[in-house]
Each structure stands twice: as C-alpha cells, then as structure tokens.
Amino acid sequence: MAHGAIKVLVSRTILPLLAIFILVKPIAPQAPSEHHDSQGQPKELAFAAVSIHRNKSRGPQQFGAATADGYRMKNMFLAAPIVTAYVPSAGGASSYADDQIVGMPSWLTSDEEQYDIDAKVDEADLPNWQNPATRQTMLRSMLQSMLADRLKLVVHRATMTGPVYRLVMGKSGGPKFKESDPNDPHPGSYPFPGGGQLSMELHGDQMTTHYFGISIGQLAAMWSGQEGRPVIDATGLTGKYDLTIRKTIQARPATAEPMVAPGPGSQESTTSLAEQLGLRLEAGKGEIETLVIDHVEHPSEN
C-alpha cells in the first residue's frame, strides 16, 4: 500500500515537496501533567501490557482505537499507531497530512505487513483513562512509549517553507455553520478522528456529510494535499462547530468497497467545498510543520 493511502484508509475505517528543514530535538513521550507517582513527581505514561502479532489472515481491518481498558488494532499497518500518537503541535489538526510525514519506510504502510495490537492500561490509570477529558492525551503518550519501546521509533518535528493554502473567512456573509452545543444528541453518527462526530447520507450521486463538534483545524487537515498543497487554518475560529458538506461523487462499481467517509471519487474541488461553508482558500507561502522519522525497526512480537 502506498504512503498516500494513510489518509484514505483512516477515513474509510473510522466509520477521512521538500524545502530547508529546521531540525529540533527528538520528541520524547510526554505525560500529562496531572499524572504523578507516589512522590508527587511527573510519571511517564505507558501501557501495563502490550501484545503485538503479525496478522496474515487478510481478514477485516480495524484502525487502532481506544477501548474501555486499553487500545486495540486489528490487521492494520503500523503507520496507524504512529499517526495517532503524533499530531501537529499547533493549528488544531487531528493528524499530519501525507506529505507532512518525512522518512516513512514503505513497510510501515504495506499490505504485506499487517499487525494486531492489544494493549492494556494499568489499573491505577483506569479512572483517568475512562475520563473523556484526559483519555486522548493519555492515549498519545502511551502509544509514544509503546512505539519507542517496541519499534525503537525516534522522531522529531521540523518546519519547512513551501506553497500552502490558507483557509480564511469568505469575503462576505460570514461562516455558514454554527458553533456546537455539546448537549445536542447526534444519533447514528460516528466518531471523527481527533474529536467530534460525523454522519452521512447518500442519495444517488449526492453525498451529504454532517460534522458535529469539530475544529476548523481538523477540517484543514482533512483537506491538506487534496489540491496539491497543505491547508493551514487561518480563519481565527477557535471553537468546535457543526457543519455540512455536500458532494457529487463518481459512480462506483457494484463490487467496490462501500464508501463510508468522504474521500476519493468526489467531483468537487476543495475550493468549492470551502465556499459552501463561507470560507475560501488563499494560495501563498507558509511554514509547514512536519514529522520526521529518524529511526524505526520492525517490532518485537509477543
């Protein structure tokens, strides 16, 4: 599977260059400040137990996700926990776009190397783990510890200057979406990577996607690369929003995998999608944060 399949596979399983680099120190796993040991010192978070096995079944795939007591991934390539563990440090995006990840070995996204991961949280950490306000931060820290231990992963963040699109407010009328009410129910919706939910309707060749409680940074990350450039959120909108996007999609063969999230096949440009929301894309140069993989090894299995 090509590296460019990361974003497509993420979107399908939830339910979506180079310039001069400024190197920074390797990223060490970071524990949330509210977690301390018995002496009151900050504690590095890690799973109490981790099982990693090669999966050769060619069976159903499950992109890794938090469970009530840990993390589970099924028959998936090992780029999945990496893009979950490391997200951009600014801008509110829930993932790096494909061309913002540098040095990804092909085996990390290969169909020939699929794995199962089953990780358990220590009993002492379960109260915080089961709190939605802290789980996502804990998950990233624990995945970073697991990847450093089992894959010997070393990464660092860098910046480059290159062509980008800035997502900005439209010239008139204001945004065509509303701020979310966390008390609103959304029956039939699915989790959206990085937070929020989505639901979808397909009528003929018209796909309507409703997003609930997402940031504009998440939207920009979802669109990054689709027009050949990263998209940077420059709207100044810092809340969580409910918005709706309508697309005309191409006909799909009867034998094709069902489309469960917006992605390949859309006939609309990202520019027209932004205009639906009262936003627009503005071409220019900008600083782009990247994740650089310095070292990674095949995992030890157990």
Protein backbone atom coordinates (compact mmCIF):
# COMPACT_ATOMS: atom_id res chain seq x y z
CA MET A 1 0.00 0.00 0.00
CA ALA A 2 1.39 3.39 -0.93
CA HIS A 3 2.21 6.00 1.67
CA GLY A 4 -0.50 8.21 0.22
CA ALA A 5 -3.08 5.65 1.37
CA ILE A 6 -2.74 6.64 5.04
CA LYS A 7 -5.34 9.40 4.98
CA VAL A 8 -7.71 7.41 2.74
CA LEU A 9 -7.58 4.36 4.98
CA VAL A 10 -8.05 6.46 8.12
CA SER A 11 -11.21 7.98 6.63
CA ARG A 12 -12.54 4.62 5.45
CA THR A 13 -12.07 2.88 8.76
CA ILE A 14 -13.48 5.43 11.18
CA LEU A 15 -16.96 4.60 10.20
CA PRO A 16 -11.06 10.97 6.11
CA LEU A 17 7.97 18.85 -1.65
CA LEU A 18 10.71 19.44 0.44
CA ALA A 19 12.41 22.68 1.45
CA ILE A 20 15.03 23.55 4.08
CA PHE A 21 14.31 21.89 7.41
CA ILE A 22 14.98 23.38 10.81
CA LEU A 23 15.76 20.34 12.94
CA VAL A 24 14.63 20.12 16.53
CA LYS A 25 15.40 17.58 19.25
CA PRO A 26 13.73 14.15 19.06
CA ILE A 27 10.26 14.06 20.53
CA ALA A 28 10.15 12.20 23.83
CA PRO A 29 6.91 10.70 25.10
CA GLN A 30 5.17 13.31 27.22
CA ALA A 31 2.91 12.51 30.15
CA PRO A 32 0.02 14.80 31.04
CA SER A 33 1.00 16.99 33.98
CA GLU A 34 -1.84 15.73 36.18
CA HIS A 35 -0.28 12.25 36.40
CA HIS A 36 2.28 11.81 39.19
CA ASP A 37 3.94 8.98 41.08
CA SER A 38 3.64 8.39 44.83
CA GLN A 39 6.35 11.00 45.49
CA GLY A 40 4.45 13.63 43.52
CA GLN A 41 6.84 13.54 40.55
CA PRO A 42 5.53 13.56 36.96
CA LYS A 43 5.01 9.98 35.74
CA GLU A 44 5.69 8.75 32.23
CA LEU A 45 2.58 7.02 30.99
CA ALA A 46 2.84 3.57 29.45
CA PHE A 47 0.56 0.60 28.89
CA ALA A 48 0.80 -2.08 31.55
CA ALA A 49 0.84 -4.83 28.92
CA VAL A 50 1.23 -4.83 25.13
CA SER A 51 0.77 -7.69 22.69
CA ILE A 52 1.89 -7.28 19.04
CA HIS A 53 1.37 -10.06 16.50
CA ARG A 54 1.72 -10.27 12.72
CA ASN A 55 -1.65 -10.88 11.05
CA LYS A 56 -1.66 -12.80 7.76
CA SER A 57 -5.40 -13.51 7.64
CA ARG A 58 -6.31 -10.86 5.04
CA GLY A 59 -9.46 -10.52 7.12
CA PRO A 60 -11.36 -7.44 8.35
CA GLN A 61 -9.28 -4.44 9.35
CA GLN A 62 -9.73 -2.21 12.37
CA PHE A 63 -7.85 1.05 12.62
CA GLY A 64 -6.47 1.31 16.14
CA ALA A 65 -8.72 2.91 18.74
CA ALA A 66 -9.05 3.32 22.48
CA THR A 67 -11.15 0.75 24.32
CA ALA A 68 -12.60 0.85 27.84
CA ASP A 69 -9.34 -0.51 29.27
CA GLY A 70 -6.71 -0.01 26.58
CA TYR A 71 -6.03 0.15 22.84
CA ARG A 72 -6.80 -2.33 20.08
CA MET A 73 -5.76 -2.53 16.43
CA LYS A 74 -6.66 -5.39 14.08
CA ASN A 75 -4.97 -6.43 10.83
CA MET A 76 -3.59 -2.95 10.17
CA PHE A 77 -0.28 -1.46 9.02
CA LEU A 78 1.97 0.06 11.69
CA ALA A 79 1.72 3.61 10.38
CA ALA A 80 -1.69 3.67 12.10
CA PRO A 81 -0.46 3.98 15.71
CA ILE A 82 2.24 6.44 14.60
CA VAL A 83 -0.22 8.90 13.04
CA THR A 84 -2.42 8.51 16.12
CA ALA A 85 0.42 9.09 18.59
CA TYR A 86 1.89 12.17 16.90
CA VAL A 87 -0.26 15.09 15.79
CA PRO A 88 0.68 18.66 14.79
CA SER A 89 1.65 20.79 17.76
CA ALA A 90 -0.33 23.82 16.55
CA GLY A 91 -3.37 24.61 14.47
CA GLY A 92 -5.83 22.12 15.91
CA ALA A 93 -5.31 19.46 13.22
CA SER A 94 -6.01 15.88 14.28
CA SER A 95 -3.32 14.36 12.03
CA TYR A 96 -0.42 15.16 9.75
CA ALA A 97 -1.20 15.17 6.04
CA ASP A 98 0.67 12.54 4.00
CA ASP A 99 3.25 14.97 2.63
CA GLN A 100 3.95 16.28 6.14
CA ILE A 101 5.43 12.93 7.20
CA VAL A 102 9.05 12.51 6.10
CA GLY A 103 11.09 9.31 6.12
CA MET A 104 8.21 6.83 6.38
CA PRO A 105 9.58 3.39 5.31
CA SER A 106 7.34 1.61 2.83
CA TRP A 107 6.89 -1.41 5.11
CA LEU A 108 5.02 0.75 7.62
CA THR A 109 2.15 1.10 5.13
CA SER A 110 2.49 -2.20 3.30
CA ASP A 111 -0.39 -4.60 2.70
CA GLU A 112 2.16 -7.37 3.23
CA GLU A 113 2.88 -6.34 6.83
CA GLN A 114 -0.29 -6.12 8.88
CA TYR A 115 -0.38 -6.42 12.66
CA ASP A 116 -2.69 -6.84 15.62
CA ILE A 117 -2.04 -4.79 18.75
CA ASP A 118 -3.77 -5.34 22.07
CA ALA A 119 -2.63 -3.03 24.88
CA LYS A 120 -3.96 -2.73 28.42
CA VAL A 121 -3.94 0.26 30.76
CA ASP A 122 -2.65 -0.17 34.29
CA GLU A 123 -5.46 -0.49 36.82
CA ALA A 124 -4.19 2.58 38.67
CA ASP A 125 -4.56 4.67 35.49
CA LEU A 126 -8.07 3.47 34.62
CA PRO A 127 -10.00 6.29 36.40
CA ASN A 128 -8.19 8.92 34.31
CA TRP A 129 -8.34 6.73 31.20
CA GLN A 130 -12.10 6.45 31.47
CA ASN A 131 -12.45 10.24 31.72
CA PRO A 132 -13.10 11.56 28.17
CA ALA A 133 -11.30 14.80 29.05
CA THR A 134 -7.96 13.04 29.61
CA ARG A 135 -8.14 9.84 27.55
CA GLN A 136 -6.90 11.26 24.23
CA THR A 137 -3.80 12.82 25.80
CA MET A 138 -3.09 9.62 27.72
CA LEU A 139 -3.54 7.51 24.57
CA ARG A 140 -0.98 9.56 22.65
CA SER A 141 1.55 9.41 25.49
CA MET A 142 1.10 5.66 25.94
CA LEU A 143 1.36 4.99 22.20
CA GLN A 144 4.55 7.07 22.04
CA SER A 145 6.04 4.99 24.87
CA MET A 146 4.96 1.75 23.17
CA LEU A 147 6.40 2.77 19.80
CA ALA A 148 9.72 3.81 21.35
CA ASP A 149 9.93 0.50 23.22
CA ARG A 150 8.72 -1.98 20.63
CA LEU A 151 9.61 -0.28 17.31
CA LYS A 152 12.57 1.75 18.59
CA LEU A 153 10.87 4.74 16.99
CA VAL A 154 12.69 8.07 17.06
CA VAL A 155 11.04 11.13 15.52
CA HIS A 156 11.38 14.88 15.56
CA ARG A 157 9.30 17.78 14.33
CA ALA A 158 10.62 20.19 11.75
CA THR A 159 9.38 23.13 9.75
CA MET A 160 9.70 23.93 6.09
CA THR A 161 8.65 26.83 3.93
CA GLY A 162 6.62 25.93 0.90
CA PRO A 163 3.43 26.51 -1.08
CA VAL A 164 0.29 26.29 1.04
CA TYR A 165 -3.34 27.21 1.02
CA ARG A 166 -4.58 29.30 3.91
CA LEU A 167 -8.15 28.62 4.88
CA VAL A 168 -9.63 32.05 5.58
CA MET A 169 -13.02 33.67 6.03
CA GLY A 170 -15.03 34.35 2.86
CA LYS A 171 -15.28 37.87 1.56
CA SER A 172 -18.90 38.31 2.56
CA GLY A 173 -21.68 36.70 4.54
CA GLY A 174 -19.60 35.08 7.27
CA PRO A 175 -19.36 31.38 8.06
CA LYS A 176 -22.26 29.16 7.01
CA PHE A 177 -22.13 26.90 10.05
CA LYS A 178 -22.78 27.17 13.76
CA GLU A 179 -20.87 26.61 16.97
CA SER A 180 -21.59 23.23 18.51
CA ASP A 181 -23.75 22.63 21.54
CA PRO A 182 -22.15 19.70 23.41
CA ASN A 183 -25.59 18.76 24.76
CA ASP A 184 -27.06 18.17 21.29
CA PRO A 185 -27.56 14.46 20.54
CA HIS A 186 -26.44 13.11 17.18
CA PRO A 187 -28.00 9.65 16.81
CA GLY A 188 -26.46 7.46 14.15
CA SER A 189 -23.21 9.43 14.00
CA TYR A 190 -19.68 8.04 14.12
CA PRO A 191 -16.51 9.25 15.89
CA PHE A 192 -14.33 11.58 13.85
CA PRO A 193 -10.51 11.35 14.28
CA GLY A 194 -9.29 13.98 16.70
CA GLY A 195 -12.70 14.52 18.27
CA GLY A 196 -16.25 15.18 17.18
CA GLN A 197 -18.64 13.05 15.17
CA LEU A 198 -19.99 12.69 11.66
CA SER A 199 -22.96 11.20 9.87
CA MET A 200 -23.56 10.67 6.18
CA GLU A 201 -26.39 10.44 3.68
CA LEU A 202 -26.12 9.14 0.13
CA HIS A 203 -28.89 9.87 -2.38
CA GLY A 204 -28.00 8.90 -5.94
CA ASP A 205 -24.73 10.64 -6.69
CA GLN A 206 -25.13 13.18 -3.86
CA MET A 207 -23.15 12.61 -0.66
CA THR A 208 -24.04 14.81 2.32
CA THR A 209 -21.73 14.71 5.32
CA HIS A 210 -22.62 16.29 8.66
CA TYR A 211 -19.76 17.05 11.05
CA PHE A 212 -20.52 17.73 14.70
CA GLY A 213 -18.16 19.32 17.20
CA ILE A 214 -15.03 19.55 15.03
CA SER A 215 -12.42 22.29 14.84
CA ILE A 216 -11.57 24.19 11.68
CA GLY A 217 -8.03 22.86 12.15
CA GLN A 218 -9.42 19.33 11.73
CA LEU A 219 -11.19 20.43 8.56
CA ALA A 220 -7.98 21.98 7.18
CA ALA A 221 -6.03 18.79 7.93
CA MET A 222 -8.67 16.68 6.16
CA TRP A 223 -8.31 18.86 3.05
CA SER A 224 -4.50 19.06 3.13
CA GLY A 225 -2.89 17.69 -0.01
CA GLN A 226 -6.12 17.33 -1.97
CA GLU A 227 -5.23 20.37 -4.08
CA GLY A 228 -1.52 19.61 -4.08
CA ARG A 229 -0.69 21.81 -1.09
CA PRO A 230 -1.11 21.65 2.68
CA VAL A 231 -4.06 23.62 4.01
CA ILE A 232 -3.42 25.83 7.05
CA ASP A 233 -6.24 27.11 9.22
CA ALA A 234 -6.03 30.92 9.22
CA THR A 235 -9.70 31.63 9.97
CA GLY A 236 -9.13 32.65 13.58
CA LEU A 237 -12.06 30.43 14.56
CA THR A 238 -11.08 28.57 17.72
CA GLY A 239 -14.27 26.78 18.75
CA LYS A 240 -15.95 23.50 17.85
CA TYR A 241 -18.50 23.65 15.06
CA ASP A 242 -21.31 21.77 13.32
CA LEU A 243 -21.11 21.95 9.54
CA THR A 244 -22.46 20.21 6.47
CA ILE A 245 -20.69 19.49 3.18
CA ARG A 246 -22.37 18.22 0.02
CA LYS A 247 -20.50 16.47 -2.77
CA THR A 248 -21.29 14.90 -6.09
CA ILE A 249 -19.49 11.59 -6.21
CA GLN A 250 -18.44 9.46 -9.15
CA ALA A 251 -20.27 6.24 -9.87
CA ARG A 252 -18.67 3.26 -8.14
CA PRO A 253 -18.59 -0.31 -9.47
CA ALA A 254 -21.06 -2.67 -7.80
CA THR A 255 -18.16 -4.73 -6.46
CA ALA A 256 -16.34 -1.76 -4.95
CA GLU A 257 -15.91 -1.33 -1.23
CA PRO A 258 -18.71 0.88 0.17
CA MET A 259 -17.66 4.45 0.74
CA VAL A 260 -18.07 5.21 4.42
CA ALA A 261 -16.40 8.61 4.59
CA PRO A 262 -15.74 11.47 2.20
CA GLY A 263 -12.68 10.81 0.13
CA PRO A 264 -11.66 9.73 -3.37
CA GLY A 265 -14.34 9.97 -6.01
CA SER A 266 -15.58 13.46 -5.24
CA GLN A 267 -16.07 15.69 -8.28
CA GLU A 268 -15.96 18.92 -6.24
CA SER A 269 -12.73 20.81 -5.66
CA THR A 270 -11.66 21.72 -2.15
CA THR A 271 -12.13 25.34 -3.17
CA SER A 272 -15.82 24.79 -3.89
CA LEU A 273 -16.27 22.85 -0.65
CA ALA A 274 -14.77 25.75 1.31
CA GLU A 275 -17.16 28.14 -0.42
CA GLN A 276 -20.11 26.04 0.76
CA LEU A 277 -19.05 26.92 4.30
CA GLY A 278 -18.49 30.62 3.74
CA LEU A 279 -14.73 30.11 3.68
CA ARG A 280 -12.12 30.30 0.93
CA LEU A 281 -8.64 29.02 0.11
CA GLU A 282 -5.92 31.59 -0.38
CA ALA A 283 -2.71 30.44 -2.13
CA GLY A 284 0.64 31.55 -0.77
CA LYS A 285 3.82 30.54 1.00
CA GLY A 286 3.87 29.42 4.59
CA GLU A 287 5.62 27.43 7.28
CA ILE A 288 4.60 23.79 7.34
CA GLU A 289 5.16 21.57 10.35
CA THR A 290 6.39 18.07 9.51
CA LEU A 291 7.03 14.87 11.40
CA VAL A 292 10.38 13.31 10.53
CA ILE A 293 11.01 9.62 11.22
CA ASP A 294 14.68 9.29 12.17
CA HIS A 295 14.68 5.61 13.08
CA VAL A 296 12.19 2.75 13.24
CA GLU A 297 12.52 -1.04 13.39
CA HIS A 298 10.20 -3.98 12.86
CA PRO A 299 8.50 -4.71 16.17
CA SER A 300 9.43 -7.48 18.51
CA GLU A 301 6.40 -9.80 18.62
CA ASN A 302 4.86 -11.38 21.70
